[in-house]
Amino acid sequence: MANIIKSGFLLLLIFLASCKTSRSDVYLFTSFHEPANEGLRYLWSEDGIHWDSIAGAWFKPELGVHKLLRDPSIARTPDGIYHLVWTTSWKGDLGFGYAESKDLIHWSDEKMIPVMAKEPTTVNVWAPEIFYDDEKKEFVVVWASCVPNRFERGIEDEDNNHRLYYITTKDFKTISETKLFYDPGFSVIDATIVKRAKNDYVLVLKDNTRAMRNLKIAFAKSPTGPYSPASVPFTESFVEGPSVTKVANDYMIYFDVYRKHIYGAMKTKDFIHFQDKTNEVSVPEGHKHGTIIKVPRSEVTNLLKARK
């Protein structure tokens, strides 16, 4: 009897281990391909270093002046719902796109979130980045807009002098007032919030001034700031679209090196010291600015099956 019980216990352990393996998380990278009118695309990875494409586009954008889907940013809430925001047009729109899904395959109707409706001279609403605040149980969405004659221009034209703005929401039905998120004293776009611990947040941003066009860092005790002055750049020039994920004990910062038509990557533990890992990562050609999250393996399995 003891041997039977022991054997049964071992079989149970093996079964639980196999279940744990089948439910393990993998990395998902949202993407788009130029000219950005075909819709949402995905990459996936076992290790956060080597990436594969999942074939096809997953819904066709229908919002805005140009009906584009650029800069798709995604967050998964504890209830398993995926929330997606994106840039709908180069210029002319006063909001960003929003949709949600339970499985990454079937999406809700697309909805414009008119965050700059009270600023009718706004040139653009670019690269909305969604962050889920697990303490307040709400979303923070940050984007870049240019409102002419609002800030000191510096070397930029009035229609290219961006600052970062944000809203908060719990459901994308009731939206807070739009507020200024970050004014570093120069044109800034492509901001990504990273939570390291309670009261410890990092902002990765692009200095979009003509002389720079590189990535910098700022720090805060709250996801909505106030953030510190921007750091010195940690990348070469002519990069954009930072995406951050944690791999083991390090953070990997991916970015589009757009003049070289490649994806670059930096590894860091503290967002102060960086190691260039561009030659060690593999990102499929054609991939553009998105965000990285961890998802159950079953979600990627279903996506791959849906394209067979």
Protein backbone atom coordinates (compact mmCIF):
# COMPACT_ATOMS: atom_id res chain seq x y z
CA MET A 1 0.00 0.00 0.00
CA ALA A 2 2.83 2.41 0.88
CA ASN A 3 4.46 1.78 -2.51
CA ILE A 4 1.15 2.42 -4.28
CA ILE A 5 0.70 5.70 -2.40
CA LYS A 6 4.30 6.69 -3.14
CA SER A 7 3.87 5.87 -6.84
CA GLY A 8 0.63 7.80 -6.97
CA PHE A 9 2.28 10.80 -5.34
CA LEU A 10 5.14 10.73 -7.87
CA LEU A 11 2.65 10.58 -10.76
CA LEU A 12 0.82 13.56 -9.28
CA LEU A 13 4.06 15.55 -9.09
CA ILE A 14 4.86 14.71 -12.72
CA PHE A 15 1.35 15.73 -13.77
CA LEU A 16 1.54 19.05 -11.90
CA ALA A 17 4.96 19.75 -13.37
CA SER A 18 3.70 19.11 -16.88
CA CYS A 19 0.71 21.38 -16.26
CA LYS A 20 3.03 24.12 -15.00
CA THR A 21 5.18 23.78 -18.12
CA SER A 22 2.16 23.94 -20.45
CA ARG A 23 0.91 27.08 -18.71
CA SER A 24 4.28 28.84 -18.56
CA ASP A 25 4.41 32.36 -19.91
CA VAL A 26 6.17 33.45 -23.08
CA TYR A 27 6.97 36.89 -24.48
CA LEU A 28 4.66 38.64 -26.94
CA PHE A 29 5.77 41.71 -28.92
CA THR A 30 3.07 43.81 -30.65
CA SER A 31 4.08 45.05 -34.07
CA PHE A 32 3.11 46.70 -37.33
CA HIS A 33 4.61 46.77 -40.81
CA GLU A 34 4.90 49.86 -42.97
CA PRO A 35 2.85 51.51 -44.41
CA ALA A 36 0.82 50.61 -41.28
CA ASN A 37 -2.56 50.13 -42.98
CA GLU A 38 -2.73 46.32 -42.73
CA GLY A 39 -3.27 46.04 -38.98
CA LEU A 40 -1.88 44.51 -35.80
CA ARG A 41 0.95 41.99 -35.97
CA TYR A 42 2.71 39.87 -33.35
CA LEU A 43 6.15 38.47 -32.58
CA TRP A 44 6.78 35.93 -29.86
CA SER A 45 9.77 34.56 -27.95
CA GLU A 46 10.63 31.86 -25.43
CA ASP A 47 13.57 33.77 -23.94
CA GLY A 48 12.98 37.46 -24.69
CA ILE A 49 16.07 37.45 -26.95
CA HIS A 50 15.20 35.46 -30.08
CA TRP A 51 11.95 36.42 -31.75
CA ASP A 52 9.69 34.80 -34.37
CA SER A 53 6.83 36.33 -36.34
CA ILE A 54 3.27 35.09 -36.10
CA ALA A 55 1.92 35.30 -39.63
CA GLY A 56 -0.75 37.75 -40.69
CA ALA A 57 -2.49 40.86 -39.42
CA TRP A 58 -5.18 40.55 -36.75
CA PHE A 59 -7.56 43.38 -37.45
CA LYS A 60 -7.69 46.14 -40.03
CA PRO A 61 -7.61 49.71 -38.68
CA GLU A 62 -10.65 51.80 -39.55
CA LEU A 63 -10.23 54.88 -37.36
CA GLY A 64 -8.98 58.38 -38.05
CA VAL A 65 -7.95 60.48 -41.01
CA HIS A 66 -5.41 57.96 -42.30
CA LYS A 67 -6.86 54.71 -40.87
CA LEU A 68 -3.48 53.46 -39.68
CA LEU A 69 -2.36 51.17 -36.88
CA ARG A 70 1.05 52.35 -35.73
CA ASP A 71 2.84 51.92 -32.39
CA PRO A 72 0.48 49.25 -30.96
CA SER A 73 0.81 49.16 -27.18
CA ILE A 74 -0.80 46.41 -25.12
CA ALA A 75 -1.48 45.61 -21.47
CA ARG A 76 -3.08 42.55 -19.86
CA THR A 77 -5.19 43.06 -16.76
CA PRO A 78 -5.61 40.48 -13.97
CA ASP A 79 -8.96 39.39 -15.46
CA GLY A 80 -7.13 38.19 -18.58
CA ILE A 81 -8.37 40.98 -20.87
CA TYR A 82 -5.93 42.51 -23.35
CA HIS A 83 -6.17 46.27 -23.87
CA LEU A 84 -4.65 47.81 -26.99
CA VAL A 85 -4.00 51.43 -27.97
CA TRP A 86 -2.39 52.74 -31.16
CA THR A 87 -1.64 55.75 -33.37
CA THR A 88 -4.40 56.20 -35.97
CA SER A 89 -2.88 58.90 -38.22
CA TRP A 90 0.30 60.85 -38.83
CA LYS A 91 -1.55 64.15 -38.41
CA GLY A 92 -5.09 65.42 -38.05
CA ASP A 93 -6.52 63.18 -35.31
CA LEU A 94 -7.22 64.40 -31.78
CA GLY A 95 -7.16 60.95 -30.20
CA PHE A 96 -5.82 57.41 -30.32
CA GLY A 97 -7.39 54.04 -31.09
CA TYR A 98 -8.55 51.51 -28.48
CA ALA A 99 -9.78 47.90 -28.62
CA GLU A 100 -9.86 44.94 -26.24
CA SER A 101 -9.71 41.16 -26.55
CA LYS A 102 -9.93 38.02 -24.45
CA ASP A 103 -7.70 35.91 -26.70
CA LEU A 104 -5.60 38.23 -28.94
CA ILE A 105 -7.55 36.91 -31.94
CA HIS A 106 -11.05 38.36 -31.65
CA TRP A 107 -11.14 42.08 -30.93
CA SER A 108 -13.88 44.47 -29.91
CA ASP A 109 -15.01 47.28 -32.18
CA GLU A 110 -12.35 49.94 -32.54
CA LYS A 111 -12.93 53.12 -30.57
CA MET A 112 -11.35 56.57 -30.81
CA ILE A 113 -10.34 58.04 -27.45
CA PRO A 114 -10.44 61.83 -28.14
CA VAL A 115 -7.85 62.91 -25.61
CA MET A 116 -6.88 66.22 -27.31
CA ALA A 117 -10.41 67.29 -28.28
CA LYS A 118 -10.09 70.40 -26.09
CA GLU A 119 -6.89 71.38 -27.93
CA PRO A 120 -8.13 71.79 -31.54
CA THR A 121 -4.81 73.13 -32.81
CA THR A 122 -3.07 69.86 -31.87
CA VAL A 123 -0.98 68.61 -34.79
CA ASN A 124 -0.89 64.91 -33.85
CA VAL A 125 -1.39 62.21 -31.24
CA TRP A 126 1.56 59.84 -31.49
CA ALA A 127 2.60 56.56 -29.90
CA PRO A 128 0.13 56.10 -27.03
CA GLU A 129 1.75 53.82 -24.46
CA ILE A 130 -0.52 51.92 -22.08
CA PHE A 131 0.57 51.18 -18.51
CA TYR A 132 -1.57 49.31 -15.98
CA ASP A 133 -1.17 50.67 -12.46
CA ASP A 134 -1.71 47.55 -10.33
CA GLU A 135 -1.90 49.61 -7.15
CA LYS A 136 -4.66 52.00 -8.23
CA LYS A 137 -6.22 49.41 -10.57
CA GLU A 138 -6.28 51.86 -13.45
CA PHE A 139 -4.59 52.54 -16.77
CA VAL A 140 -2.20 55.36 -17.49
CA VAL A 141 -1.86 56.18 -21.19
CA VAL A 142 0.99 58.48 -22.25
CA TRP A 143 1.44 59.91 -25.74
CA ALA A 144 3.25 62.70 -27.58
CA SER A 145 1.45 65.68 -29.09
CA CYS A 146 2.53 68.93 -30.62
CA VAL A 147 0.44 71.98 -29.67
CA PRO A 148 1.96 74.90 -31.58
CA ASN A 149 3.16 77.94 -29.59
CA ARG A 150 2.67 76.14 -26.27
CA PHE A 151 6.32 75.53 -25.33
CA GLU A 152 9.67 77.13 -26.03
CA ARG A 153 10.50 75.98 -29.52
CA GLY A 154 14.28 75.67 -29.38
CA ILE A 155 15.56 74.39 -32.74
CA GLU A 156 12.29 72.65 -33.64
CA ASP A 157 9.55 73.90 -35.95
CA GLU A 158 6.30 74.75 -34.19
CA ASP A 159 4.61 71.66 -35.70
CA ASN A 160 7.36 69.35 -34.43
CA ASN A 161 7.79 70.54 -30.83
CA HIS A 162 6.27 67.63 -28.88
CA ARG A 163 5.59 67.13 -25.21
CA LEU A 164 4.16 64.13 -23.38
CA TYR A 165 0.55 64.09 -22.14
CA TYR A 166 -1.52 61.49 -20.28
CA ILE A 167 -4.93 60.34 -19.13
CA THR A 168 -6.03 57.76 -16.58
CA THR A 169 -9.01 55.44 -16.86
CA LYS A 170 -10.35 52.26 -15.35
CA ASP A 171 -12.45 51.14 -18.31
CA PHE A 172 -11.82 53.39 -21.38
CA LYS A 173 -15.39 54.64 -20.98
CA THR A 174 -14.80 57.26 -18.31
CA ILE A 175 -11.59 59.13 -19.08
CA SER A 176 -9.78 61.64 -16.89
CA GLU A 177 -8.91 65.14 -18.05
CA THR A 178 -5.82 65.26 -20.24
CA LYS A 179 -2.77 66.54 -18.36
CA LEU A 180 0.82 67.38 -19.20
CA PHE A 181 2.92 64.33 -18.32
CA TYR A 182 6.51 65.42 -18.98
CA ASP A 183 8.23 68.53 -20.28
CA PRO A 184 11.98 67.88 -20.37
CA GLY A 185 12.69 71.20 -22.09
CA PHE A 186 12.97 69.65 -25.55
CA SER A 187 10.80 67.87 -28.10
CA VAL A 188 10.05 64.40 -26.69
CA ILE A 189 8.13 61.37 -28.02
CA ASP A 190 7.90 57.57 -27.53
CA ALA A 191 7.68 57.23 -23.74
CA THR A 192 7.55 53.88 -21.93
CA ILE A 193 6.85 53.48 -18.19
CA VAL A 194 8.54 50.65 -16.27
CA LYS A 195 7.67 49.72 -12.69
CA ARG A 196 10.62 48.24 -10.78
CA ALA A 197 9.07 48.25 -7.30
CA LYS A 198 6.64 50.24 -5.19
CA ASN A 199 7.50 53.93 -5.50
CA ASP A 200 10.15 53.16 -8.12
CA TYR A 201 9.36 53.94 -11.76
CA VAL A 202 11.48 54.46 -14.85
CA LEU A 203 10.60 56.41 -17.98
CA VAL A 204 12.38 55.53 -21.23
CA LEU A 205 11.90 58.32 -23.77
CA LYS A 206 13.11 59.62 -27.11
CA ASP A 207 14.76 63.03 -27.35
CA ASN A 208 13.27 64.01 -30.70
CA THR A 209 15.33 67.14 -31.34
CA ARG A 210 17.16 67.15 -34.64
CA ALA A 211 20.57 67.10 -32.98
CA MET A 212 19.82 64.06 -30.83
CA ARG A 213 17.05 61.59 -31.81
CA ASN A 214 18.22 59.09 -29.21
CA LEU A 215 16.92 57.49 -26.02
CA LYS A 216 17.19 58.81 -22.48
CA ILE A 217 15.98 57.87 -18.97
CA ALA A 218 14.06 59.61 -16.17
CA PHE A 219 12.98 58.37 -12.72
CA ALA A 220 9.95 58.92 -10.46
CA LYS A 221 8.20 57.59 -7.36
CA SER A 222 4.81 57.43 -9.12
CA PRO A 223 3.84 56.27 -12.62
CA THR A 224 2.51 59.75 -13.37
CA GLY A 225 5.56 61.53 -11.97
CA PRO A 226 6.95 64.03 -11.39
CA TYR A 227 9.94 62.58 -13.27
CA SER A 228 13.55 63.63 -12.90
CA PRO A 229 15.40 65.55 -15.61
CA ALA A 230 16.31 63.38 -18.57
CA SER A 231 19.62 61.52 -18.47
CA VAL A 232 22.39 61.61 -21.02
CA PRO A 233 21.58 59.40 -24.03
CA PHE A 234 22.30 55.67 -23.76
CA THR A 235 21.90 54.86 -27.46
CA GLU A 236 23.23 56.06 -30.77
CA SER A 237 21.23 58.64 -32.73
CA PHE A 238 18.37 57.88 -35.15
CA VAL A 239 16.55 55.39 -32.92
CA GLU A 240 12.97 55.33 -31.64
CA GLY A 241 10.16 53.24 -30.20
CA PRO A 242 11.68 51.83 -26.98
CA SER A 243 10.11 48.61 -25.61
CA VAL A 244 11.19 47.20 -22.25
CA THR A 245 10.90 43.73 -20.75
CA LYS A 246 12.55 41.90 -17.89
CA VAL A 247 14.63 38.85 -18.81
CA ALA A 248 15.91 36.94 -15.76
CA ASN A 249 17.41 39.64 -13.50
CA ASP A 250 18.01 42.19 -16.24
CA TYR A 251 15.93 44.58 -18.29
CA MET A 252 16.13 44.46 -22.07
CA ILE A 253 15.38 47.71 -23.89
CA TYR A 254 14.54 47.15 -27.56
CA PHE A 255 14.44 50.02 -30.06
CA ASP A 256 14.09 50.64 -33.78
CA VAL A 257 17.37 51.74 -35.38
CA TYR A 258 15.41 53.07 -38.30
CA ARG A 259 18.17 54.29 -40.60
CA LYS A 260 19.91 50.92 -40.41
CA HIS A 261 16.61 49.01 -40.74
CA ILE A 262 17.42 46.83 -37.71
CA TYR A 263 16.29 46.45 -34.12
CA GLY A 264 18.79 47.32 -31.41
CA ALA A 265 18.83 46.21 -27.76
CA MET A 266 20.47 47.34 -24.53
CA LYS A 267 20.67 45.34 -21.32
CA THR A 268 20.63 47.01 -17.93
CA LYS A 269 20.09 46.22 -14.26
CA ASP A 270 19.72 49.79 -13.01
CA PHE A 271 18.90 51.99 -16.04
CA ILE A 272 22.18 53.78 -15.42
CA HIS A 273 24.70 51.32 -16.87
CA PHE A 274 23.97 49.67 -20.22
CA GLN A 275 25.39 46.87 -22.34
CA ASP A 276 24.78 46.83 -26.08
CA LYS A 277 23.20 43.47 -27.02
CA THR A 278 22.19 44.33 -30.56
CA ASN A 279 24.39 41.61 -32.05
CA GLU A 280 22.92 38.98 -29.70
CA VAL A 281 19.20 39.50 -30.31
CA SER A 282 17.24 38.42 -33.37
CA VAL A 283 14.17 40.36 -34.46
CA PRO A 284 12.35 39.62 -37.75
CA GLU A 285 12.80 42.10 -40.57
CA GLY A 286 9.98 44.59 -41.01
CA HIS A 287 8.99 44.70 -37.33
CA LYS A 288 8.16 48.19 -36.06
CA HIS A 289 7.48 49.92 -32.74
CA GLY A 290 5.31 47.96 -30.29
CA THR A 291 5.39 46.79 -26.67
CA ILE A 292 6.39 43.54 -24.95
CA ILE A 293 4.31 41.65 -22.39
CA LYS A 294 4.30 38.14 -20.91
CA VAL A 295 1.33 35.97 -21.92
CA PRO A 296 0.28 32.37 -21.26
CA ARG A 297 1.87 29.95 -23.72
CA SER A 298 -1.62 28.77 -24.69
CA GLU A 299 -2.41 32.21 -26.16
CA VAL A 300 0.53 32.00 -28.56
CA THR A 301 -0.29 28.37 -29.36
CA ASN A 302 -3.81 29.44 -30.35
CA LEU A 303 -2.48 32.31 -32.46
CA LEU A 304 -0.15 29.95 -34.34
CA LYS A 305 -2.96 27.42 -34.87
CA ALA A 306 -5.26 30.14 -36.16
CA ARG A 307 -2.78 30.93 -38.94
CA LYS A 308 -2.27 27.33 -40.11
